[in-house]
Amino acid sequence: MLEVKDYSKQELADAIYANNIKPESRLHKLWREISGCPELVEDLRRLHSHTGDSGYTAQMVERIKYHLCID
């Protein structure tokens, strides 16, 4: 189960894909999944804060979990 909290982009990718993708491919896969869901992209744009370009806030993680159907 993915905890809803602030994550760096790499930390989130590692948490989601830890068991099934090589570490060097995880961030790219997360980016592809997010960019493939226009509703999620829009949600993340609305929630974006300029203070954390290298990461995701807890609110953003909640939307990612919802749109990508992650527990």
Protein backbone atom coordinates (compact mmCIF):
# COMPACT_ATOMS: atom_id res chain seq x y z
CA MET A 1 0.00 0.00 0.00
CA LEU A 2 1.36 3.40 -1.01
CA GLU A 3 1.43 5.89 1.84
CA VAL A 4 0.02 9.32 1.03
CA LYS A 5 2.81 11.76 1.86
CA ASP A 6 5.28 14.02 0.08
CA TYR A 7 7.74 12.15 -2.18
CA SER A 8 10.58 13.08 -4.48
CA LYS A 9 9.84 11.90 -8.01
CA GLN A 10 12.38 9.08 -7.71
CA GLU A 11 11.08 7.99 -4.29
CA LEU A 12 7.54 7.75 -5.63
CA ALA A 13 8.63 5.77 -8.68
CA ASP A 14 10.64 3.43 -6.45
CA ALA A 15 7.69 2.95 -4.09
CA ILE A 16 5.24 2.16 -6.90
CA TYR A 17 7.44 -0.08 -9.05
CA ALA A 18 9.87 -1.54 -6.48
CA ASN A 19 9.21 -5.19 -7.28
CA ASN A 20 8.77 -5.34 -11.02
CA ILE A 21 10.97 -2.83 -12.84
CA LYS A 22 14.70 -2.15 -12.89
CA PRO A 23 15.57 0.88 -10.74
CA GLU A 24 16.86 2.89 -13.69
CA SER A 25 13.51 2.46 -15.53
CA ARG A 26 11.09 3.32 -12.72
CA LEU A 27 11.03 7.10 -13.06
CA HIS A 28 10.53 6.90 -16.83
CA LYS A 29 7.63 4.45 -16.39
CA LEU A 30 5.96 6.73 -13.85
CA TRP A 31 6.30 9.68 -16.22
CA ARG A 32 4.79 7.65 -19.10
CA GLU A 33 1.83 6.53 -16.98
CA ILE A 34 1.13 10.04 -15.72
CA SER A 35 1.45 11.64 -19.16
CA GLY A 36 -0.85 8.96 -20.61
CA CYS A 37 -3.73 10.06 -18.37
CA PRO A 38 -4.94 13.56 -19.37
CA GLU A 39 -7.21 13.86 -16.32
CA LEU A 40 -4.28 13.16 -14.01
CA VAL A 41 -2.06 15.63 -15.85
CA GLU A 42 -4.75 18.29 -15.36
CA ASP A 43 -5.17 17.45 -11.66
CA LEU A 44 -1.41 17.70 -11.13
CA ARG A 45 -1.29 21.03 -12.95
CA ARG A 46 -4.00 22.38 -10.67
CA LEU A 47 -2.17 21.19 -7.56
CA HIS A 48 1.32 22.16 -8.69
CA SER A 49 3.31 24.40 -6.41
CA HIS A 50 6.49 26.04 -7.60
CA THR A 51 8.27 25.03 -4.41
CA GLY A 52 8.55 21.35 -5.27
CA ASP A 53 9.40 20.74 -8.91
CA SER A 54 11.49 17.72 -7.92
CA GLY A 55 8.68 16.03 -6.05
CA TYR A 56 5.02 15.40 -5.40
CA THR A 57 2.95 16.72 -2.50
CA ALA A 58 0.65 14.43 -0.53
CA GLN A 59 -2.32 15.86 -2.47
CA MET A 60 -0.62 15.04 -5.77
CA VAL A 61 0.16 11.50 -4.58
CA GLU A 62 -3.50 11.04 -3.66
CA ARG A 63 -4.53 11.98 -7.24
CA ILE A 64 -1.85 9.73 -8.74
CA LYS A 65 -3.10 6.82 -6.63
CA TYR A 66 -6.67 7.48 -7.73
CA HIS A 67 -6.03 7.82 -11.45
CA LEU A 68 -3.49 4.98 -11.71
CA CYS A 69 -5.57 2.70 -9.45
CA ILE A 70 -2.80 2.15 -6.92
CA ASP A 71 -3.56 0.93 -3.41
